C-alpha atoms as a PDB file:
ATOM      1  CA  MET A   1      -0.855  35.190  13.971  1.00  0.00           C
ATOM      2  CA  LEU A   2       2.054  34.046  16.173  1.00  0.00           C
ATOM      3  CA  GLY A   3       4.515  35.072  13.472  1.00  0.00           C
ATOM      4  CA  PHE A   4       3.219  32.606  10.876  1.00  0.00           C
ATOM      5  CA  GLU A   5       2.553  33.928   7.394  1.00  0.00           C
ATOM      6  CA  SER A   6      -0.052  31.269   6.618  1.00  0.00           C
ATOM      7  CA  VAL A   7      -2.118  29.218   9.017  1.00  0.00           C
ATOM      8  CA  PHE A   8      -4.297  26.345   7.915  1.00  0.00           C
ATOM      9  CA  ARG A   9      -6.965  24.513   9.823  1.00  0.00           C
ATOM     10  CA  TYR A  10      -6.630  20.785   9.221  1.00  0.00           C
ATOM     11  CA  THR A  11     -10.143  19.362   9.331  1.00  0.00           C
ATOM     12  CA  ALA A  12      -9.585  15.817   8.093  1.00  0.00           C
ATOM     13  CA  GLY A  13      -8.961  13.029  10.575  1.00  0.00           C
ATOM     14  CA  LYS A  14      -5.890  11.271  11.904  1.00  0.00           C
ATOM     15  CA  VAL A  15      -6.047   8.614   9.195  1.00  0.00           C
ATOM     16  CA  ASP A  16      -5.802  11.292   6.501  1.00  0.00           C
ATOM     17  CA  TRP A  17      -2.938  12.941   8.371  1.00  0.00           C
ATOM     18  CA  PHE A  18      -0.994   9.658   8.537  1.00  0.00           C
ATOM     19  CA  ALA A  19      -1.845   8.840   4.910  1.00  0.00           C
ATOM     20  CA  GLY A  20      -0.283  12.141   3.918  1.00  0.00           C
ATOM     21  CA  GLY A  21       2.959  11.220   5.687  1.00  0.00           C
ATOM     22  CA  LEU A  22       2.700  14.301   7.871  1.00  0.00           C
ATOM     23  CA  PRO A  23       4.655  14.563  11.145  1.00  0.00           C
ATOM     24  CA  ARG A  24       3.210  13.054  14.301  1.00  0.00           C
ATOM     25  CA  ALA A  25       3.566  14.172  17.894  1.00  0.00           C
ATOM     26  CA  GLY A  26       2.882  12.694  21.278  1.00  0.00           C
ATOM     27  CA  GLU A  27       3.821   9.603  23.230  1.00  0.00           C
ATOM     28  CA  LEU A  28       3.368   7.132  20.377  1.00  0.00           C
ATOM     29  CA  ALA A  29       4.737   9.338  17.602  1.00  0.00           C
ATOM     30  CA  ARG A  30       7.879   7.228  17.246  1.00  0.00           C
ATOM     31  CA  GLU A  31       5.973   3.968  16.842  1.00  0.00           C
ATOM     32  CA  ARG A  32       6.160   2.720  13.259  1.00  0.00           C
ATOM     33  CA  ARG A  33       2.898   2.365  11.395  1.00  0.00           C
ATOM     34  CA  ALA A  34       1.794   0.604   8.223  1.00  0.00           C
ATOM     35  CA  GLY A  35       2.341   3.742   6.152  1.00  0.00           C
ATOM     36  CA  ASP A  36       5.919   4.005   7.422  1.00  0.00           C
ATOM     37  CA  VAL A  37       6.975   0.570   6.156  1.00  0.00           C
ATOM     38  CA  ALA A  38       4.760   0.297   3.064  1.00  0.00           C
ATOM     39  CA  ARG A  39       6.884  -0.363  -0.007  1.00  0.00           C
ATOM     40  CA  ARG A  40       5.949   2.251  -2.541  1.00  0.00           C
ATOM     41  CA  ASP A  41       7.833   0.617  -5.410  1.00  0.00           C
ATOM     42  CA  VAL A  42       5.152  -2.041  -5.981  1.00  0.00           C
ATOM     43  CA  PRO A  43       4.214  -2.051  -9.677  1.00  0.00           C
ATOM     44  CA  SER A  44       0.794  -0.850 -10.731  1.00  0.00           C
ATOM     45  CA  CYS A  45      -1.165  -1.290 -13.927  1.00  0.00           C
ATOM     46  CA  ARG A  46      -4.458  -0.318 -15.493  1.00  0.00           C
ATOM     47  CA  PRO A  47      -7.363  -2.711 -16.047  1.00  0.00           C
ATOM     48  CA  ASP A  48      -7.227  -2.283 -19.836  1.00  0.00           C
ATOM     49  CA  GLU A  49      -3.570  -3.322 -20.144  1.00  0.00           C
ATOM     50  CA  ARG A  50      -2.637  -6.748 -21.499  1.00  0.00           C
ATOM     51  CA  ARG A  51      -1.428  -9.468 -19.153  1.00  0.00           C
ATOM     52  CA  GLY A  52       1.747 -10.036 -21.196  1.00  0.00           C
ATOM     53  CA  ASP A  53       2.857  -6.397 -20.983  1.00  0.00           C
ATOM     54  CA  VAL A  54       2.136  -6.223 -17.274  1.00  0.00           C
ATOM     55  CA  GLY A  55       3.850  -9.559 -16.630  1.00  0.00           C
ATOM     56  CA  SER A  56       7.049  -8.456 -18.379  1.00  0.00           C
ATOM     57  CA  ARG A  57       7.138  -5.146 -16.539  1.00  0.00           C
ATOM     58  CA  THR A  58       6.397  -6.798 -13.191  1.00  0.00           C
ATOM     59  CA  GLN A  59       9.073  -9.455 -13.645  1.00  0.00           C
ATOM     60  CA  THR A  60      11.654  -6.836 -14.657  1.00  0.00           C
ATOM     61  CA  SER A  61      10.924  -4.885 -11.477  1.00  0.00           C
ATOM     62  CA  GLY A  62      11.522  -7.964  -9.300  1.00  0.00           C
ATOM     63  CA  TRP A  63       7.949  -8.245  -8.026  1.00  0.00           C
ATOM     64  CA  THR A  64       5.515 -11.154  -8.320  1.00  0.00           C
ATOM     65  CA  MET A  65       2.386  -8.989  -8.216  1.00  0.00           C
ATOM     66  CA  CYS A  66       0.925  -5.880  -9.774  1.00  0.00           C
ATOM     67  CA  VAL A  67      -1.733  -3.635  -8.227  1.00  0.00           C
ATOM     68  CA  VAL A  68      -4.523  -2.686 -10.625  1.00  0.00           C
ATOM     69  CA  VAL A  69      -5.448   0.993 -10.213  1.00  0.00           C
ATOM     70  CA  ASP A  70      -7.549   3.618 -11.990  1.00  0.00           C
ATOM     71  CA  ASP A  71      -6.393   7.051 -13.187  1.00  0.00           C
ATOM     72  CA  GLU A  72      -6.473   8.390  -9.615  1.00  0.00           C
ATOM     73  CA  ARG A  73      -4.523   5.376  -8.244  1.00  0.00           C
ATOM     74  CA  VAL A  74      -7.615   3.962  -6.528  1.00  0.00           C
ATOM     75  CA  VAL A  75      -7.088   0.227  -6.058  1.00  0.00           C
ATOM     76  CA  LEU A  76      -9.365  -1.876  -8.256  1.00  0.00           C
ATOM     77  CA  GLY A  77      -7.703  -5.267  -8.062  1.00  0.00           C
ATOM     78  CA  LEU A  78      -4.556  -7.315  -7.737  1.00  0.00           C
ATOM     79  CA  LEU A  79      -2.643  -9.512 -10.163  1.00  0.00           C
ATOM     80  CA  GLU A  80      -0.566 -12.112  -8.371  1.00  0.00           C
ATOM     81  CA  ALA A  81       1.915 -14.564  -9.926  1.00  0.00           C
ATOM     82  CA  GLU A  82      -0.716 -17.125 -10.953  1.00  0.00           C
ATOM     83  CA  ALA A  83      -2.824 -14.478 -12.714  1.00  0.00           C
ATOM     84  CA  LEU A  84       0.210 -13.123 -14.558  1.00  0.00           C
ATOM     85  CA  ALA A  85       0.742 -16.499 -16.277  1.00  0.00           C
ATOM     86  CA  GLY A  86      -1.351 -17.421 -19.288  1.00  0.00           C
ATOM     87  CA  ASP A  87      -2.454 -15.835 -22.536  1.00  0.00           C
ATOM     88  CA  PRO A  88      -0.490 -12.573 -22.832  1.00  0.00           C
ATOM     89  CA  ALA A  89      -3.296 -10.947 -24.866  1.00  0.00           C
ATOM     90  CA  THR A  90      -5.835 -11.241 -22.041  1.00  0.00           C
ATOM     91  CA  PRO A  91      -6.871  -7.884 -20.538  1.00  0.00           C
ATOM     92  CA  VAL A  92      -5.908  -7.427 -16.896  1.00  0.00           C
ATOM     93  CA  ASP A  93      -9.503  -6.806 -15.803  1.00  0.00           C
ATOM     94  CA  GLN A  94     -10.420 -10.354 -16.846  1.00  0.00           C
ATOM     95  CA  VAL A  95      -7.827 -12.042 -14.626  1.00  0.00           C
ATOM     96  CA  MET A  96      -7.350  -9.671 -11.674  1.00  0.00           C
ATOM     97  CA  ARG A  97      -8.632 -10.426  -8.194  1.00  0.00           C
ATOM     98  CA  SER A  98     -11.161  -7.657  -7.607  1.00  0.00           C
ATOM     99  CA  ALA A  99     -11.373  -5.639  -4.403  1.00  0.00           C
ATOM    100  CA  PRO A 100      -8.296  -7.000  -2.585  1.00  0.00           C
ATOM    101  CA  ALA A 101      -7.996  -6.404   1.148  1.00  0.00           C
ATOM    102  CA  THR A 102      -6.492  -3.067   2.102  1.00  0.00           C
ATOM    103  CA  LEU A 103      -5.411  -1.509   5.375  1.00  0.00           C
ATOM    104  CA  ARG A 104      -4.928   2.114   6.362  1.00  0.00           C
ATOM    105  CA  PRO A 105      -1.537   3.739   7.029  1.00  0.00           C
ATOM    106  CA  HIS A 106      -2.264   4.604  10.678  1.00  0.00           C
ATOM    107  CA  LEU A 107      -2.400   0.964  11.834  1.00  0.00           C
ATOM    108  CA  ARG A 108       0.334  -0.254  14.160  1.00  0.00           C
ATOM    109  CA  LEU A 109       2.640  -2.941  12.755  1.00  0.00           C
ATOM    110  CA  GLU A 110       1.263  -5.384  15.326  1.00  0.00           C
ATOM    111  CA  GLU A 111      -2.202  -4.904  13.823  1.00  0.00           C
ATOM    112  CA  VAL A 112      -0.841  -5.493  10.320  1.00  0.00           C
ATOM    113  CA  ALA A 113       0.851  -8.704  11.493  1.00  0.00           C
ATOM    114  CA  GLN A 114      -2.409  -9.881  13.069  1.00  0.00           C
ATOM    115  CA  HIS A 115      -4.262  -9.230   9.801  1.00  0.00           C
ATOM    116  CA  LEU A 116      -1.689 -11.195   7.796  1.00  0.00           C
ATOM    117  CA  ALA A 117      -1.835 -14.126  10.226  1.00  0.00           C
ATOM    118  CA  LYS A 118      -5.630 -14.166  10.414  1.00  0.00           C
ATOM    119  CA  HIS A 119      -6.026 -14.139   6.634  1.00  0.00           C
ATOM    120  CA  LYS A 120      -3.022 -16.429   5.999  1.00  0.00           C
ATOM    121  CA  THR A 121      -1.471 -14.068   3.490  1.00  0.00           C
ATOM    122  CA  HIS A 122       2.027 -12.720   2.972  1.00  0.00           C
ATOM    123  CA  HIS A 123       1.172  -9.155   1.984  1.00  0.00           C
ATOM    124  CA  VAL A 124      -1.488  -6.460   2.253  1.00  0.00           C
ATOM    125  CA  LEU A 125      -2.061  -3.251   0.329  1.00  0.00           C
ATOM    126  CA  ILE A 126      -1.949   0.054   2.202  1.00  0.00           C
ATOM    127  CA  THR A 127      -4.289   2.752   0.908  1.00  0.00           C
ATOM    128  CA  THR A 128      -5.562   6.184   1.809  1.00  0.00           C
ATOM    129  CA  PRO A 129      -9.114   6.451   3.166  1.00  0.00           C
ATOM    130  CA  GLU A 130     -10.188   7.166  -0.431  1.00  0.00           C
ATOM    131  CA  GLY A 131      -8.648   3.870  -1.574  1.00  0.00           C
ATOM    132  CA  ARG A 132      -5.580   5.343  -3.301  1.00  0.00           C
ATOM    133  CA  LEU A 133      -2.543   3.088  -3.299  1.00  0.00           C
ATOM    134  CA  ILE A 134       0.243   4.005  -0.895  1.00  0.00           C
ATOM    135  CA  GLY A 135       2.154   0.725  -1.105  1.00  0.00           C
ATOM    136  CA  VAL A 136       2.316  -2.842   0.113  1.00  0.00           C
ATOM    137  CA  VAL A 137       3.485  -4.349   3.398  1.00  0.00           C
ATOM    138  CA  GLU A 138       4.901  -7.854   3.199  1.00  0.00           C
ATOM    139  CA  ARG A 139       5.310 -10.185   6.145  1.00  0.00           C
ATOM    140  CA  SER A 140       9.102  -9.863   5.818  1.00  0.00           C
ATOM    141  CA  ASP A 141       8.784  -6.086   6.320  1.00  0.00           C
ATOM    142  CA  LEU A 142       7.542  -6.777   9.855  1.00  0.00           C
ATOM    143  CA  GLU A 143      10.548  -8.858  10.935  1.00  0.00           C
ATOM    144  CA  PRO A 144      12.809  -7.421  13.659  1.00  0.00           C
ATOM    145  CA  GLY A 145      15.266  -4.967  12.172  1.00  0.00           C
ATOM    146  CA  LYS A 146      13.034  -4.288   9.164  1.00  0.00           C
ATOM    147  CA  GLY A 147      10.464  -1.960  10.622  1.00  0.00           C
ATOM    148  CA  SER A 148       9.339  -3.054  14.073  1.00  0.00           C
ATOM    149  CA  GLU A 149      11.679  -0.638  15.792  1.00  0.00           C
ATOM    150  CA  THR A 150      10.699   2.939  16.505  1.00  0.00           C
ATOM    151  CA  ILE A 151      11.744   5.839  14.332  1.00  0.00           C
ATOM    152  CA  PRO A 152      12.373   9.497  14.965  1.00  0.00           C
ATOM    153  CA  ARG A 153       9.739  11.870  13.626  1.00  0.00           C
END
């Protein structure tokens, strides 16, 4: 078929396509989206880990938060700086903030900025439609020169 050895029919939607980091085409293809600027180096932990272990690892990595995920990297909660302090023997699931806000990777950076302003927060988690962690976008990631420009695809 047209010289291709294998042809696949992609039946999932645009959100899944963007979440997969697949190439985009069209007029707005060069516009940066949440998935493009999401920082993938955000630390993650499991709900059964101890706060002390997670706190040490998080601090070493230079972050002030840790995303709580399951075995399939589905977001379960968030540990921010305040929750990382305290009894190091406490299990993460007892101190995490459950069901943190998440956005999808196809959203324009303007929409991410509006979400951050509306909810008076400095960061938001970016996930696939199934809730799997892609990364985090911080307010500073949206500043001119850090992601608001267009990119080649």
